[in-house]
């Protein structure tokens, strides 16, 4: 057989082998798991949207006796935003959580401590006006990018239905605002690192970067670890829950923690900084507009902290945030016999936080 024929056959076989190797390599790359999922701005329903997370949580909780998900975040199908927002703000905080409402029993027979678990339950909780909100056209005109960077399981847990004394828990959800104190990537790295020490376990439910990207970290039905020793003082009085005899009572069991990335010039110990970007305010309002948490139960890490060490979010403009929030959602019903209480609750929003 001609030498050139052998050469041609050899080259053909080599080409086929190379093609096969390339195809297999590409297939393996596509199958590799990725803990960080980037959104498609054109998708109507994000793959890991608060709505889908809550729906999944509800399915998982169907066999459980109680479900406290009053702060569940609703879906957000909106067209792409044409608005280009400037970025120039920041905040400081190191420990934060992002829990929502999945439930777990935590009666601890070993604990004899008489907890002052001031969670004003029963009849007192019924005094809070219950709001129902609808999104607005302005909400539909804004769609931030999103990513998913799931925290390590050691940095979050289940929500409980009883405290360490076996007392039932039925607090209405709150939203606690934080700042990272450092870059968003640094915070994500901390959350994705396993921590055996309970005092080192930390996370948020969501984080908003300088450019307004929403990063989902802990599923909203789970309890994030971030507020530490904390109490929420609102229209119902003081509320806190102790679920671990080794740790101080906190708001984590009924809180949804959202953090803003601190701008570079604010990553220090100063009490103030230049503030947050317009994009961060818009995305924060967009995210919270999907919840049923009333204004009077939106607070800050500084306000709930009882350790005396947390001052975040620094330089946060609550008036600016509330104006945007109110432009993104409107109340459509108040489930309360006493409508005057609703007016009082709204008027106390700023003093509460």
C-alpha atoms as a PDB file:
ATOM      1  CA  UNK A   1       0.000   0.000   0.000  1.00  0.00           C
ATOM      2  CA  UNK A   2       1.202   3.468  -0.844  1.00  0.00           C
ATOM      3  CA  UNK A   3       3.003   5.292   1.995  1.00  0.00           C
ATOM      4  CA  UNK A   4       0.940   8.413   1.453  1.00  0.00           C
ATOM      5  CA  UNK A   5      -2.261   6.384   1.948  1.00  0.00           C
ATOM      6  CA  UNK A   6      -1.007   5.161   5.332  1.00  0.00           C
ATOM      7  CA  UNK A   7      -0.142   8.701   6.323  1.00  0.00           C
ATOM      8  CA  UNK A   8      -3.618   9.917   5.362  1.00  0.00           C
ATOM      9  CA  UNK A   9      -5.284   7.112   7.310  1.00  0.00           C
ATOM     10  CA  UNK A  10      -3.100   7.813  10.343  1.00  0.00           C
ATOM     11  CA  UNK A  11      -3.960  11.521  10.222  1.00  0.00           C
ATOM     12  CA  UNK A  12      -7.674  10.724   9.892  1.00  0.00           C
ATOM     13  CA  UNK A  13      -7.598   8.371  12.878  1.00  0.00           C
ATOM     14  CA  UNK A  14      -5.643  10.940  14.932  1.00  0.00           C
ATOM     15  CA  UNK A  15      -8.172  13.653  14.058  1.00  0.00           C
ATOM     16  CA  UNK A  16     -11.070  11.409  15.137  1.00  0.00           C
ATOM     17  CA  UNK A  17      -9.365  10.641  18.471  1.00  0.00           C
ATOM     18  CA  UNK A  18      -8.677  14.318  19.145  1.00  0.00           C
ATOM     19  CA  UNK A  19     -12.300  15.200  18.365  1.00  0.00           C
ATOM     20  CA  UNK A  20     -13.538  12.493  20.727  1.00  0.00           C
ATOM     21  CA  UNK A  21     -11.255  13.729  23.546  1.00  0.00           C
ATOM     22  CA  UNK A  22     -12.429  17.333  23.089  1.00  0.00           C
ATOM     23  CA  UNK A  23     -16.110  16.287  23.180  1.00  0.00           C
ATOM     24  CA  UNK A  24     -15.582  14.277  26.384  1.00  0.00           C
ATOM     25  CA  UNK A  25     -13.675  17.156  28.029  1.00  0.00           C
ATOM     26  CA  UNK A  26     -16.423  19.651  27.203  1.00  0.00           C
ATOM     27  CA  UNK A  27     -19.038  17.288  28.602  1.00  0.00           C
ATOM     28  CA  UNK A  28     -17.165  16.959  31.893  1.00  0.00           C
ATOM     29  CA  UNK A  29     -16.791  20.729  32.247  1.00  0.00           C
ATOM     30  CA  UNK A  30     -20.523  21.225  31.774  1.00  0.00           C
ATOM     31  CA  UNK A  31     -21.247  18.642  34.456  1.00  0.00           C
ATOM     32  CA  UNK A  32     -19.012  20.298  37.058  1.00  0.00           C
ATOM     33  CA  UNK A  33     -21.089  21.841  39.927  1.00  0.00           C
ATOM     34  CA  UNK A  34     -20.782  25.563  40.474  1.00  0.00           C
ATOM     35  CA  UNK A  35     -21.730  27.155  43.783  1.00  0.00           C
ATOM     36  CA  UNK A  36     -22.125  30.535  42.151  1.00  0.00           C
ATOM     37  CA  UNK A  37     -24.932  30.827  39.625  1.00  0.00           C
ATOM     38  CA  UNK A  38     -25.262  33.966  37.563  1.00  0.00           C
ATOM     39  CA  UNK A  39     -28.645  35.205  36.484  1.00  0.00           C
ATOM     40  CA  UNK A  40     -29.981  35.698  33.019  1.00  0.00           C
ATOM     41  CA  UNK A  41     -31.297  39.283  33.033  1.00  0.00           C
ATOM     42  CA  UNK A  42     -33.833  38.329  30.365  1.00  0.00           C
ATOM     43  CA  UNK A  43     -35.398  35.471  32.312  1.00  0.00           C
ATOM     44  CA  UNK A  44     -38.841  36.242  33.632  1.00  0.00           C
ATOM     45  CA  UNK A  45     -38.568  33.946  36.650  1.00  0.00           C
ATOM     46  CA  UNK A  46     -35.049  33.584  38.151  1.00  0.00           C
ATOM     47  CA  UNK A  47     -34.040  29.976  38.816  1.00  0.00           C
ATOM     48  CA  UNK A  48     -33.335  30.759  42.473  1.00  0.00           C
ATOM     49  CA  UNK A  49     -35.825  33.541  43.061  1.00  0.00           C
ATOM     50  CA  UNK A  50     -37.261  34.153  46.553  1.00  0.00           C
ATOM     51  CA  UNK A  51     -40.592  32.893  45.211  1.00  0.00           C
ATOM     52  CA  UNK A  52     -39.175  29.580  44.032  1.00  0.00           C
ATOM     53  CA  UNK A  53     -37.220  29.139  47.253  1.00  0.00           C
ATOM     54  CA  UNK A  54     -40.331  29.749  49.316  1.00  0.00           C
ATOM     55  CA  UNK A  55     -42.421  27.376  47.183  1.00  0.00           C
ATOM     56  CA  UNK A  56     -39.809  24.681  47.679  1.00  0.00           C
ATOM     57  CA  UNK A  57     -39.713  25.372  51.410  1.00  0.00           C
ATOM     58  CA  UNK A  58     -43.483  25.098  51.657  1.00  0.00           C
ATOM     59  CA  UNK A  59     -43.409  21.722  49.909  1.00  0.00           C
ATOM     60  CA  UNK A  60     -40.756  20.528  52.349  1.00  0.00           C
ATOM     61  CA  UNK A  61     -42.832  21.748  55.294  1.00  0.00           C
ATOM     62  CA  UNK A  62     -46.168  20.222  54.228  1.00  0.00           C
ATOM     63  CA  UNK A  63     -45.784  17.405  56.753  1.00  0.00           C
ATOM     64  CA  UNK A  64     -44.836  19.725  59.608  1.00  0.00           C
ATOM     65  CA  UNK A  65     -47.441  21.027  62.090  1.00  0.00           C
ATOM     66  CA  UNK A  66     -46.538  24.720  61.921  1.00  0.00           C
ATOM     67  CA  UNK A  67     -45.273  27.148  59.333  1.00  0.00           C
ATOM     68  CA  UNK A  68     -44.306  30.636  60.374  1.00  0.00           C
ATOM     69  CA  UNK A  69     -43.595  31.984  56.923  1.00  0.00           C
ATOM     70  CA  UNK A  70     -45.111  35.418  57.138  1.00  0.00           C
ATOM     71  CA  UNK A  71     -42.090  37.107  55.657  1.00  0.00           C
ATOM     72  CA  UNK A  72     -41.903  34.872  52.636  1.00  0.00           C
ATOM     73  CA  UNK A  73     -40.674  36.798  49.641  1.00  0.00           C
ATOM     74  CA  UNK A  74     -42.893  36.741  46.577  1.00  0.00           C
ATOM     75  CA  UNK A  75     -41.936  36.323  42.956  1.00  0.00           C
ATOM     76  CA  UNK A  76     -40.640  39.191  40.901  1.00  0.00           C
ATOM     77  CA  UNK A  77     -41.246  38.930  37.220  1.00  0.00           C
ATOM     78  CA  UNK A  78     -40.253  42.243  35.775  1.00  0.00           C
ATOM     79  CA  UNK A  79     -38.923  43.528  32.461  1.00  0.00           C
ATOM     80  CA  UNK A  80     -35.326  44.583  32.102  1.00  0.00           C
ATOM     81  CA  UNK A  81     -34.423  47.889  33.658  1.00  0.00           C
ATOM     82  CA  UNK A  82     -33.089  50.593  31.352  1.00  0.00           C
ATOM     83  CA  UNK A  83     -31.923  52.659  34.284  1.00  0.00           C
ATOM     84  CA  UNK A  84     -28.172  52.909  34.812  1.00  0.00           C
ATOM     85  CA  UNK A  85     -27.572  53.564  38.491  1.00  0.00           C
ATOM     86  CA  UNK A  86     -24.490  55.119  39.998  1.00  0.00           C
ATOM     87  CA  UNK A  87     -22.521  53.368  42.713  1.00  0.00           C
ATOM     88  CA  UNK A  88     -20.881  55.150  45.658  1.00  0.00           C
ATOM     89  CA  UNK A  89     -21.863  53.908  49.093  1.00  0.00           C
ATOM     90  CA  UNK A  90     -21.078  51.420  51.905  1.00  0.00           C
ATOM     91  CA  UNK A  91     -21.637  49.999  55.370  1.00  0.00           C
ATOM     92  CA  UNK A  92     -19.867  48.106  58.171  1.00  0.00           C
ATOM     93  CA  UNK A  93     -20.790  44.826  59.859  1.00  0.00           C
ATOM     94  CA  UNK A  94     -19.169  41.472  60.286  1.00  0.00           C
ATOM     95  CA  UNK A  95     -21.771  39.136  61.750  1.00  0.00           C
ATOM     96  CA  UNK A  96     -25.081  38.829  59.959  1.00  0.00           C
ATOM     97  CA  UNK A  97     -27.926  36.425  59.215  1.00  0.00           C
ATOM     98  CA  UNK A  98     -30.512  35.827  56.611  1.00  0.00           C
ATOM     99  CA  UNK A  99     -33.167  33.508  58.033  1.00  0.00           C
ATOM    100  CA  UNK A 100     -36.818  33.068  57.170  1.00  0.00           C
ATOM    101  CA  UNK A 101     -39.425  30.607  58.183  1.00  0.00           C
ATOM    102  CA  UNK A 102     -38.823  26.908  58.370  1.00  0.00           C
ATOM    103  CA  UNK A 103     -39.530  25.301  61.698  1.00  0.00           C
ATOM    104  CA  UNK A 104     -37.835  22.915  64.075  1.00  0.00           C
ATOM    105  CA  UNK A 105     -38.577  21.869  67.650  1.00  0.00           C
ATOM    106  CA  UNK A 106     -35.986  22.950  70.171  1.00  0.00           C
ATOM    107  CA  UNK A 107     -37.251  22.045  73.599  1.00  0.00           C
ATOM    108  CA  UNK A 108     -34.144  21.544  75.758  1.00  0.00           C
ATOM    109  CA  UNK A 109     -34.799  19.567  78.913  1.00  0.00           C
ATOM    110  CA  UNK A 110     -31.285  20.214  80.206  1.00  0.00           C
ATOM    111  CA  UNK A 111     -31.692  23.963  80.427  1.00  0.00           C
ATOM    112  CA  UNK A 112     -33.069  25.349  83.675  1.00  0.00           C
ATOM    113  CA  UNK A 113     -32.496  28.948  82.708  1.00  0.00           C
ATOM    114  CA  UNK A 114     -35.541  31.146  82.984  1.00  0.00           C
ATOM    115  CA  UNK A 115     -35.267  32.892  79.635  1.00  0.00           C
ATOM    116  CA  UNK A 116     -36.544  36.351  79.352  1.00  0.00           C
ATOM    117  CA  UNK A 117     -37.561  35.407  75.867  1.00  0.00           C
ATOM    118  CA  UNK A 118     -39.556  38.606  75.423  1.00  0.00           C
ATOM    119  CA  UNK A 119     -41.254  37.479  72.270  1.00  0.00           C
ATOM    120  CA  UNK A 120     -44.686  38.912  73.140  1.00  0.00           C
ATOM    121  CA  UNK A 121     -46.732  36.098  71.790  1.00  0.00           C
ATOM    122  CA  UNK A 122     -50.381  35.137  71.996  1.00  0.00           C
ATOM    123  CA  UNK A 123     -52.780  38.038  72.291  1.00  0.00           C
ATOM    124  CA  UNK A 124     -50.068  40.687  72.079  1.00  0.00           C
ATOM    125  CA  UNK A 125     -48.941  39.498  68.689  1.00  0.00           C
ATOM    126  CA  UNK A 126     -52.475  39.819  67.410  1.00  0.00           C
ATOM    127  CA  UNK A 127     -52.257  43.569  67.976  1.00  0.00           C
ATOM    128  CA  UNK A 128     -49.875  44.029  65.058  1.00  0.00           C
ATOM    129  CA  UNK A 129     -51.751  45.202  61.962  1.00  0.00           C
ATOM    130  CA  UNK A 130     -51.307  42.626  59.199  1.00  0.00           C
ATOM    131  CA  UNK A 131     -50.584  44.125  55.805  1.00  0.00           C
ATOM    132  CA  UNK A 132     -50.958  42.763  52.329  1.00  0.00           C
ATOM    133  CA  UNK A 133     -48.958  44.430  49.570  1.00  0.00           C
ATOM    134  CA  UNK A 134     -49.013  44.544  45.799  1.00  0.00           C
ATOM    135  CA  UNK A 135     -46.161  45.492  43.515  1.00  0.00           C
ATOM    136  CA  UNK A 136     -46.378  48.617  41.353  1.00  0.00           C
ATOM    137  CA  UNK A 137     -45.518  49.549  37.779  1.00  0.00           C
ATOM    138  CA  UNK A 138     -42.302  51.150  39.057  1.00  0.00           C
ATOM    139  CA  UNK A 139     -41.308  47.776  40.497  1.00  0.00           C
ATOM    140  CA  UNK A 140     -41.877  46.125  37.118  1.00  0.00           C
ATOM    141  CA  UNK A 141     -39.551  48.601  35.440  1.00  0.00           C
ATOM    142  CA  UNK A 142     -36.568  47.594  37.576  1.00  0.00           C
ATOM    143  CA  UNK A 143     -34.852  44.211  37.409  1.00  0.00           C
ATOM    144  CA  UNK A 144     -31.488  43.781  39.138  1.00  0.00           C
ATOM    145  CA  UNK A 145     -29.010  41.070  38.295  1.00  0.00           C
ATOM    146  CA  UNK A 146     -28.772  38.211  40.759  1.00  0.00           C
ATOM    147  CA  UNK A 147     -26.370  35.448  41.715  1.00  0.00           C
ATOM    148  CA  UNK A 148     -26.496  32.472  44.044  1.00  0.00           C
ATOM    149  CA  UNK A 149     -23.568  31.804  46.387  1.00  0.00           C
ATOM    150  CA  UNK A 150     -24.872  29.294  48.915  1.00  0.00           C
ATOM    151  CA  UNK A 151     -23.407  29.366  52.421  1.00  0.00           C
ATOM    152  CA  UNK A 152     -21.865  26.264  53.952  1.00  0.00           C
ATOM    153  CA  UNK A 153     -24.521  24.298  55.922  1.00  0.00           C
ATOM    154  CA  UNK A 154     -22.614  24.904  59.172  1.00  0.00           C
ATOM    155  CA  UNK A 155     -23.381  28.610  58.841  1.00  0.00           C
ATOM    156  CA  UNK A 156     -27.163  28.381  58.930  1.00  0.00           C
ATOM    157  CA  UNK A 157     -29.886  26.143  60.357  1.00  0.00           C
ATOM    158  CA  UNK A 158     -33.576  25.414  60.719  1.00  0.00           C
ATOM    159  CA  UNK A 159     -36.127  27.747  62.244  1.00  0.00           C
ATOM    160  CA  UNK A 160     -37.620  26.573  65.508  1.00  0.00           C
ATOM    161  CA  UNK A 161     -41.210  26.331  66.746  1.00  0.00           C
ATOM    162  CA  UNK A 162     -40.255  26.353  70.434  1.00  0.00           C
ATOM    163  CA  UNK A 163     -37.544  28.050  72.500  1.00  0.00           C
ATOM    164  CA  UNK A 164     -35.175  26.206  74.854  1.00  0.00           C
ATOM    165  CA  UNK A 165     -37.877  26.164  77.548  1.00  0.00           C
ATOM    166  CA  UNK A 166     -40.378  24.514  75.228  1.00  0.00           C
ATOM    167  CA  UNK A 167     -42.441  27.680  74.826  1.00  0.00           C
ATOM    168  CA  UNK A 168     -44.154  28.059  71.438  1.00  0.00           C
ATOM    169  CA  UNK A 169     -42.737  30.620  69.029  1.00  0.00           C
ATOM    170  CA  UNK A 170     -44.993  32.539  66.652  1.00  0.00           C
ATOM    171  CA  UNK A 171     -43.289  35.872  66.079  1.00  0.00           C
ATOM    172  CA  UNK A 172     -44.130  37.800  62.951  1.00  0.00           C
ATOM    173  CA  UNK A 173     -41.117  38.110  60.659  1.00  0.00           C
ATOM    174  CA  UNK A 174     -38.771  41.101  60.645  1.00  0.00           C
ATOM    175  CA  UNK A 175     -36.109  42.258  58.180  1.00  0.00           C
ATOM    176  CA  UNK A 176     -32.711  43.239  59.586  1.00  0.00           C
ATOM    177  CA  UNK A 177     -30.425  45.421  57.446  1.00  0.00           C
ATOM    178  CA  UNK A 178     -26.632  45.035  57.653  1.00  0.00           C
ATOM    179  CA  UNK A 179     -23.446  46.018  55.877  1.00  0.00           C
ATOM    180  CA  UNK A 180     -20.520  43.735  55.121  1.00  0.00           C
ATOM    181  CA  UNK A 181     -17.691  45.867  56.530  1.00  0.00           C
ATOM    182  CA  UNK A 182     -15.473  44.518  53.760  1.00  0.00           C
ATOM    183  CA  UNK A 183     -15.931  43.412  50.153  1.00  0.00           C
ATOM    184  CA  UNK A 184     -18.808  41.193  49.071  1.00  0.00           C
ATOM    185  CA  UNK A 185     -16.366  38.481  47.945  1.00  0.00           C
ATOM    186  CA  UNK A 186     -14.734  38.451  51.376  1.00  0.00           C
ATOM    187  CA  UNK A 187     -18.124  37.984  53.046  1.00  0.00           C
ATOM    188  CA  UNK A 188     -19.092  35.182  50.647  1.00  0.00           C
ATOM    189  CA  UNK A 189     -15.795  33.415  51.315  1.00  0.00           C
ATOM    190  CA  UNK A 190     -16.512  33.519  55.066  1.00  0.00           C
ATOM    191  CA  UNK A 191     -20.047  32.171  54.607  1.00  0.00           C
ATOM    192  CA  UNK A 192     -18.869  29.324  52.383  1.00  0.00           C
ATOM    193  CA  UNK A 193     -16.186  28.236  54.867  1.00  0.00           C
ATOM    194  CA  UNK A 194     -17.173  25.496  57.325  1.00  0.00           C
ATOM    195  CA  UNK A 195     -17.169  26.609  60.974  1.00  0.00           C
ATOM    196  CA  UNK A 196     -17.363  24.092  63.825  1.00  0.00           C
ATOM    197  CA  UNK A 197     -17.266  26.807  66.477  1.00  0.00           C
ATOM    198  CA  UNK A 198     -20.795  28.130  67.058  1.00  0.00           C
ATOM    199  CA  UNK A 199     -19.379  31.586  67.758  1.00  0.00           C
ATOM    200  CA  UNK A 200     -17.844  31.701  64.274  1.00  0.00           C
ATOM    201  CA  UNK A 201     -20.911  30.550  62.326  1.00  0.00           C
ATOM    202  CA  UNK A 202     -22.293  33.470  60.338  1.00  0.00           C
ATOM    203  CA  UNK A 203     -24.334  34.317  57.230  1.00  0.00           C
ATOM    204  CA  UNK A 204     -26.916  36.588  55.626  1.00  0.00           C
ATOM    205  CA  UNK A 205     -29.914  35.566  53.590  1.00  0.00           C
ATOM    206  CA  UNK A 206     -28.981  38.006  50.827  1.00  0.00           C
ATOM    207  CA  UNK A 207     -26.278  40.511  50.007  1.00  0.00           C
ATOM    208  CA  UNK A 208     -26.442  43.463  47.612  1.00  0.00           C
ATOM    209  CA  UNK A 209     -23.223  44.501  45.894  1.00  0.00           C
ATOM    210  CA  UNK A 210     -22.162  48.011  44.936  1.00  0.00           C
ATOM    211  CA  UNK A 211     -23.556  47.599  41.417  1.00  0.00           C
ATOM    212  CA  UNK A 212     -26.936  46.428  42.754  1.00  0.00           C
ATOM    213  CA  UNK A 213     -26.502  42.697  42.107  1.00  0.00           C
ATOM    214  CA  UNK A 214     -28.567  40.621  44.547  1.00  0.00           C
ATOM    215  CA  UNK A 215     -26.649  37.595  45.870  1.00  0.00           C
ATOM    216  CA  UNK A 216     -28.770  34.888  47.512  1.00  0.00           C
ATOM    217  CA  UNK A 217     -26.798  33.094  50.239  1.00  0.00           C
ATOM    218  CA  UNK A 218     -29.164  31.299  52.631  1.00  0.00           C
ATOM    219  CA  UNK A 219     -32.603  30.014  51.572  1.00  0.00           C
ATOM    220  CA  UNK A 220     -35.252  32.280  53.124  1.00  0.00           C
ATOM    221  CA  UNK A 221     -36.941  29.434  54.984  1.00  0.00           C
ATOM    222  CA  UNK A 222     -33.730  28.761  56.922  1.00  0.00           C
ATOM    223  CA  UNK A 223     -32.313  30.544  59.972  1.00  0.00           C
ATOM    224  CA  UNK A 224     -29.171  32.509  59.218  1.00  0.00           C
ATOM    225  CA  UNK A 225     -26.642  33.290  61.955  1.00  0.00           C
ATOM    226  CA  UNK A 226     -25.788  36.947  62.170  1.00  0.00           C
ATOM    227  CA  UNK A 227     -27.486  39.092  64.768  1.00  0.00           C
ATOM    228  CA  UNK A 228     -25.900  37.574  67.890  1.00  0.00           C
ATOM    229  CA  UNK A 229     -27.237  38.971  71.177  1.00  0.00           C
ATOM    230  CA  UNK A 230     -30.223  40.946  69.896  1.00  0.00           C
ATOM    231  CA  UNK A 231     -33.761  42.193  70.627  1.00  0.00           C
ATOM    232  CA  UNK A 232     -36.332  43.771  68.313  1.00  0.00           C
ATOM    233  CA  UNK A 233     -38.266  46.633  69.904  1.00  0.00           C
ATOM    234  CA  UNK A 234     -41.368  47.288  67.817  1.00  0.00           C
ATOM    235  CA  UNK A 235     -45.100  47.979  68.092  1.00  0.00           C
ATOM    236  CA  UNK A 236     -45.533  44.697  70.014  1.00  0.00           C
ATOM    237  CA  UNK A 237     -42.842  45.500  72.534  1.00  0.00           C
ATOM    238  CA  UNK A 238     -39.542  43.639  72.875  1.00  0.00           C
ATOM    239  CA  UNK A 239     -39.070  40.383  70.970  1.00  0.00           C
ATOM    240  CA  UNK A 240     -36.185  37.907  71.164  1.00  0.00           C
ATOM    241  CA  UNK A 241     -35.820  34.114  71.201  1.00  0.00           C
ATOM    242  CA  UNK A 242     -33.228  31.806  72.757  1.00  0.00           C
ATOM    243  CA  UNK A 243     -32.924  28.550  70.806  1.00  0.00           C
ATOM    244  CA  UNK A 244     -29.423  27.561  71.959  1.00  0.00           C
ATOM    245  CA  UNK A 245     -28.512  27.375  75.675  1.00  0.00           C
ATOM    246  CA  UNK A 246     -24.902  28.177  74.807  1.00  0.00           C
ATOM    247  CA  UNK A 247     -25.729  31.433  73.025  1.00  0.00           C
ATOM    248  CA  UNK A 248     -27.512  34.653  73.942  1.00  0.00           C
ATOM    249  CA  UNK A 249     -31.139  35.181  72.820  1.00  0.00           C
ATOM    250  CA  UNK A 250     -31.474  36.750  69.378  1.00  0.00           C
ATOM    251  CA  UNK A 251     -33.895  37.737  66.630  1.00  0.00           C
ATOM    252  CA  UNK A 252     -32.480  35.186  64.182  1.00  0.00           C
ATOM    253  CA  UNK A 253     -35.388  32.762  64.424  1.00  0.00           C
ATOM    254  CA  UNK A 254     -37.846  35.279  62.973  1.00  0.00           C
ATOM    255  CA  UNK A 255     -35.485  37.524  60.994  1.00  0.00           C
ATOM    256  CA  UNK A 256     -34.558  37.823  57.331  1.00  0.00           C
ATOM    257  CA  UNK A 257     -31.062  39.356  57.104  1.00  0.00           C
ATOM    258  CA  UNK A 258     -30.072  41.492  54.135  1.00  0.00           C
ATOM    259  CA  UNK A 259     -26.663  43.162  53.849  1.00  0.00           C
ATOM    260  CA  UNK A 260     -25.237  45.925  51.698  1.00  0.00           C
ATOM    261  CA  UNK A 261     -21.665  45.727  50.472  1.00  0.00           C
ATOM    262  CA  UNK A 262     -19.494  48.354  52.117  1.00  0.00           C
ATOM    263  CA  UNK A 263     -17.812  50.715  49.621  1.00  0.00           C
ATOM    264  CA  UNK A 264     -13.994  50.582  49.490  1.00  0.00           C
ATOM    265  CA  UNK A 265     -13.503  53.923  51.256  1.00  0.00           C
ATOM    266  CA  UNK A 266     -15.689  52.768  54.146  1.00  0.00           C
ATOM    267  CA  UNK A 267     -13.899  49.535  55.007  1.00  0.00           C
ATOM    268  CA  UNK A 268     -12.592  50.835  58.304  1.00  0.00           C
ATOM    269  CA  UNK A 269     -13.727  51.460  61.868  1.00  0.00           C
ATOM    270  CA  UNK A 270     -15.055  54.970  61.304  1.00  0.00           C
ATOM    271  CA  UNK A 271     -18.634  55.627  62.506  1.00  0.00           C
ATOM    272  CA  UNK A 272     -19.749  56.910  59.090  1.00  0.00           C
ATOM    273  CA  UNK A 273     -18.836  56.715  55.424  1.00  0.00           C
ATOM    274  CA  UNK A 274     -20.018  58.179  52.129  1.00  0.00           C
ATOM    275  CA  UNK A 275     -23.079  55.966  51.984  1.00  0.00           C
ATOM    276  CA  UNK A 276     -24.446  53.383  49.567  1.00  0.00           C
ATOM    277  CA  UNK A 277     -24.961  53.477  45.837  1.00  0.00           C
ATOM    278  CA  UNK A 278     -28.264  54.264  44.152  1.00  0.00           C
ATOM    279  CA  UNK A 279     -28.152  50.764  42.696  1.00  0.00           C
ATOM    280  CA  UNK A 280     -27.987  49.267  46.183  1.00  0.00           C
ATOM    281  CA  UNK A 281     -30.986  51.281  47.389  1.00  0.00           C
ATOM    282  CA  UNK A 282     -33.013  50.309  44.326  1.00  0.00           C
ATOM    283  CA  UNK A 283     -32.182  46.602  44.629  1.00  0.00           C
ATOM    284  CA  UNK A 284     -32.819  46.602  48.372  1.00  0.00           C
ATOM    285  CA  UNK A 285     -36.243  48.187  47.891  1.00  0.00           C
ATOM    286  CA  UNK A 286     -36.957  45.780  45.014  1.00  0.00           C
ATOM    287  CA  UNK A 287     -36.102  42.757  47.161  1.00  0.00           C
ATOM    288  CA  UNK A 288     -38.094  43.837  50.219  1.00  0.00           C
ATOM    289  CA  UNK A 289     -41.056  44.993  48.106  1.00  0.00           C
ATOM    290  CA  UNK A 290     -41.697  41.316  47.386  1.00  0.00           C
ATOM    291  CA  UNK A 291     -42.197  40.513  51.066  1.00  0.00           C
ATOM    292  CA  UNK A 292     -45.211  40.993  53.309  1.00  0.00           C
ATOM    293  CA  UNK A 293     -43.105  42.510  56.100  1.00  0.00           C
ATOM    294  CA  UNK A 294     -44.551  45.914  57.104  1.00  0.00           C
ATOM    295  CA  UNK A 295     -42.411  49.039  57.407  1.00  0.00           C
ATOM    296  CA  UNK A 296     -42.577  48.948  61.201  1.00  0.00           C
ATOM    297  CA  UNK A 297     -40.795  45.571  61.220  1.00  0.00           C
ATOM    298  CA  UNK A 298     -37.875  46.611  59.020  1.00  0.00           C
ATOM    299  CA  UNK A 299     -34.930  47.414  61.275  1.00  0.00           C
ATOM    300  CA  UNK A 300     -31.121  47.523  61.404  1.00  0.00           C
ATOM    301  CA  UNK A 301     -28.350  45.506  63.015  1.00  0.00           C
ATOM    302  CA  UNK A 302     -27.476  48.564  65.095  1.00  0.00           C
ATOM    303  CA  UNK A 303     -31.044  48.791  66.426  1.00  0.00           C
ATOM    304  CA  UNK A 304     -31.402  45.126  67.451  1.00  0.00           C
ATOM    305  CA  UNK A 305     -27.863  44.596  68.773  1.00  0.00           C
ATOM    306  CA  UNK A 306     -27.461  44.280  72.548  1.00  0.00           C
ATOM    307  CA  UNK A 307     -23.729  43.609  72.590  1.00  0.00           C
ATOM    308  CA  UNK A 308     -22.966  47.295  72.079  1.00  0.00           C
ATOM    309  CA  UNK A 309     -20.574  46.534  69.224  1.00  0.00           C
ATOM    310  CA  UNK A 310     -22.683  46.706  66.064  1.00  0.00           C
ATOM    311  CA  UNK A 311     -23.188  50.018  64.294  1.00  0.00           C
ATOM    312  CA  UNK A 312     -24.260  48.893  60.854  1.00  0.00           C
ATOM    313  CA  UNK A 313     -25.510  49.826  58.436  1.00  0.00           C
ATOM    314  CA  UNK A 314     -23.556  53.052  58.796  1.00  0.00           C
ATOM    315  CA  UNK A 315     -24.720  56.142  56.925  1.00  0.00           C
ATOM    316  CA  UNK A 316     -27.909  54.434  55.780  1.00  0.00           C
ATOM    317  CA  UNK A 317     -30.544  56.805  54.371  1.00  0.00           C
ATOM    318  CA  UNK A 318     -33.822  55.367  55.640  1.00  0.00           C
ATOM    319  CA  UNK A 319     -35.937  58.106  54.065  1.00  0.00           C
ATOM    320  CA  UNK A 320     -34.461  57.369  50.638  1.00  0.00           C
ATOM    321  CA  UNK A 321     -34.989  53.640  51.102  1.00  0.00           C
ATOM    322  CA  UNK A 322     -38.605  53.991  52.282  1.00  0.00           C
ATOM    323  CA  UNK A 323     -39.466  56.332  49.406  1.00  0.00           C
ATOM    324  CA  UNK A 324     -38.233  53.700  46.952  1.00  0.00           C
ATOM    325  CA  UNK A 325     -39.933  50.875  48.838  1.00  0.00           C
ATOM    326  CA  UNK A 326     -43.256  52.716  48.779  1.00  0.00           C
ATOM    327  CA  UNK A 327     -42.870  53.346  45.056  1.00  0.00           C
ATOM    328  CA  UNK A 328     -42.331  49.594  44.513  1.00  0.00           C
ATOM    329  CA  UNK A 329     -45.201  48.282  46.648  1.00  0.00           C
ATOM    330  CA  UNK A 330     -48.529  49.512  47.974  1.00  0.00           C
ATOM    331  CA  UNK A 331     -50.674  48.136  50.826  1.00  0.00           C
ATOM    332  CA  UNK A 332     -53.957  46.655  49.669  1.00  0.00           C
ATOM    333  CA  UNK A 333     -55.388  45.335  52.930  1.00  0.00           C
ATOM    334  CA  UNK A 334     -54.924  45.538  56.666  1.00  0.00           C
ATOM    335  CA  UNK A 335     -56.247  42.604  58.669  1.00  0.00           C
ATOM    336  CA  UNK A 336     -57.002  44.444  61.859  1.00  0.00           C
ATOM    337  CA  UNK A 337     -60.191  45.576  63.542  1.00  0.00           C
ATOM    338  CA  UNK A 338     -58.482  48.666  64.825  1.00  0.00           C
ATOM    339  CA  UNK A 339     -57.272  50.624  61.794  1.00  0.00           C
ATOM    340  CA  UNK A 340     -55.908  53.359  64.023  1.00  0.00           C
ATOM    341  CA  UNK A 341     -53.233  50.880  65.098  1.00  0.00           C
ATOM    342  CA  UNK A 342     -52.097  50.676  61.499  1.00  0.00           C
ATOM    343  CA  UNK A 343     -51.506  54.426  61.393  1.00  0.00           C
ATOM    344  CA  UNK A 344     -49.579  54.274  64.658  1.00  0.00           C
ATOM    345  CA  UNK A 345     -47.448  51.371  63.404  1.00  0.00           C
ATOM    346  CA  UNK A 346     -46.503  53.213  60.227  1.00  0.00           C
ATOM    347  CA  UNK A 347     -45.762  56.454  62.089  1.00  0.00           C
ATOM    348  CA  UNK A 348     -43.415  54.535  64.399  1.00  0.00           C
ATOM    349  CA  UNK A 349     -41.358  53.118  61.548  1.00  0.00           C
ATOM    350  CA  UNK A 350     -38.421  55.516  61.808  1.00  0.00           C
ATOM    351  CA  UNK A 351     -38.342  55.605  65.585  1.00  0.00           C
ATOM    352  CA  UNK A 352     -38.438  51.810  65.696  1.00  0.00           C
ATOM    353  CA  UNK A 353     -35.393  51.471  63.483  1.00  0.00           C
END
